C-alpha atoms as a PDB file:
ATOM      1  CA  UNK A   1       0.132  -0.143  -0.390  1.00  0.00           C
ATOM      2  CA  UNK A   2       0.916   3.368  -0.692  1.00  0.00           C
ATOM      3  CA  UNK A   3      -0.867   6.400   0.981  1.00  0.00           C
ATOM      4  CA  UNK A   4       0.719   9.655   1.431  1.00  0.00           C
ATOM      5  CA  UNK A   5       3.635   9.342   0.238  1.00  0.00           C
ATOM      6  CA  UNK A   6       4.271   5.725   2.813  1.00  0.00           C
ATOM      7  CA  UNK A   7       4.135   2.884   1.708  1.00  0.00           C
ATOM      8  CA  UNK A   8       3.711  -0.582   3.859  1.00  0.00           C
ATOM      9  CA  UNK A   9       3.340  -4.231   3.325  1.00  0.00           C
ATOM     10  CA  UNK A  10       1.844  -6.642   5.354  1.00  0.00           C
ATOM     11  CA  UNK A  11       0.488 -10.622   5.227  1.00  0.00           C
ATOM     12  CA  UNK A  12      -2.472 -11.613   6.152  1.00  0.00           C
ATOM     13  CA  UNK A  13      -4.463 -14.925   6.375  1.00  0.00           C
ATOM     14  CA  UNK A  14      -8.175 -15.678   6.434  1.00  0.00           C
ATOM     15  CA  UNK A  15     -10.757 -17.796   5.065  1.00  0.00           C
ATOM     16  CA  UNK A  16     -11.752 -16.345   1.928  1.00  0.00           C
ATOM     17  CA  UNK A  17      -9.610 -14.016  -0.759  1.00  0.00           C
ATOM     18  CA  UNK A  18     -12.088 -10.832   0.514  1.00  0.00           C
ATOM     19  CA  UNK A  19     -11.306 -11.166   3.895  1.00  0.00           C
ATOM     20  CA  UNK A  20      -7.944 -11.943   3.596  1.00  0.00           C
ATOM     21  CA  UNK A  21      -7.270  -8.766   1.149  1.00  0.00           C
ATOM     22  CA  UNK A  22      -9.167  -6.549   3.437  1.00  0.00           C
ATOM     23  CA  UNK A  23      -7.219  -7.762   6.606  1.00  0.00           C
ATOM     24  CA  UNK A  24      -3.685  -6.891   4.539  1.00  0.00           C
ATOM     25  CA  UNK A  25      -4.975  -3.567   3.862  1.00  0.00           C
ATOM     26  CA  UNK A  26      -5.938  -2.488   7.381  1.00  0.00           C
ATOM     27  CA  UNK A  27      -2.702  -4.291   8.944  1.00  0.00           C
ATOM     28  CA  UNK A  28      -0.651  -1.919   6.170  1.00  0.00           C
ATOM     29  CA  UNK A  29      -3.013   1.551   6.365  1.00  0.00           C
ATOM     30  CA  UNK A  30      -2.615   0.939  10.261  1.00  0.00           C
ATOM     31  CA  UNK A  31       1.354   1.820   9.599  1.00  0.00           C
ATOM     32  CA  UNK A  32       1.032   4.572   7.460  1.00  0.00           C
ATOM     33  CA  UNK A  33      -2.002   6.304   8.212  1.00  0.00           C
ATOM     34  CA  UNK A  34      -3.184   8.370  11.464  1.00  0.00           C
ATOM     35  CA  UNK A  35      -6.482   8.666  12.371  1.00  0.00           C
ATOM     36  CA  UNK A  36     -10.312   8.049  11.540  1.00  0.00           C
ATOM     37  CA  UNK A  37     -10.236  10.142   8.028  1.00  0.00           C
ATOM     38  CA  UNK A  38      -6.738   8.788   6.954  1.00  0.00           C
ATOM     39  CA  UNK A  39      -7.401   5.165   7.847  1.00  0.00           C
ATOM     40  CA  UNK A  40     -10.535   5.131   5.980  1.00  0.00           C
ATOM     41  CA  UNK A  41      -8.964   6.973   2.574  1.00  0.00           C
ATOM     42  CA  UNK A  42      -6.265   4.656   3.141  1.00  0.00           C
ATOM     43  CA  UNK A  43      -8.506   1.067   3.080  1.00  0.00           C
ATOM     44  CA  UNK A  44     -10.406   2.360   0.135  1.00  0.00           C
ATOM     45  CA  UNK A  45      -7.335   2.737  -1.771  1.00  0.00           C
ATOM     46  CA  UNK A  46      -6.315  -0.166  -4.269  1.00  0.00           C
ATOM     47  CA  UNK A  47      -3.186  -1.608  -2.827  1.00  0.00           C
ATOM     48  CA  UNK A  48       0.230  -1.422  -5.174  1.00  0.00           C
ATOM     49  CA  UNK A  49       0.254  -5.382  -5.806  1.00  0.00           C
ATOM     50  CA  UNK A  50      -0.917  -8.544  -4.048  1.00  0.00           C
ATOM     51  CA  UNK A  51       0.724 -11.894  -4.070  1.00  0.00           C
ATOM     52  CA  UNK A  52      -1.479 -14.976  -2.719  1.00  0.00           C
ATOM     53  CA  UNK A  53       1.172 -17.111  -0.901  1.00  0.00           C
ATOM     54  CA  UNK A  54      -1.815 -19.960  -0.523  1.00  0.00           C
ATOM     55  CA  UNK A  55      -5.407 -19.164  -1.689  1.00  0.00           C
ATOM     56  CA  UNK A  56      -7.713 -19.807   0.872  1.00  0.00           C
END
């Protein structure tokens, strides 16, 4: 994820691809955004890339 010029990458696991993607996005955004407004904006930003280690 890149947001406001900052970049973060996280790994997440879940029972579905959509849930895993959301969890990874939330984790990355937690590291690079601050406040509710920035967090929501970050979470609504498309990730720079996605790499599946193992699909659910």
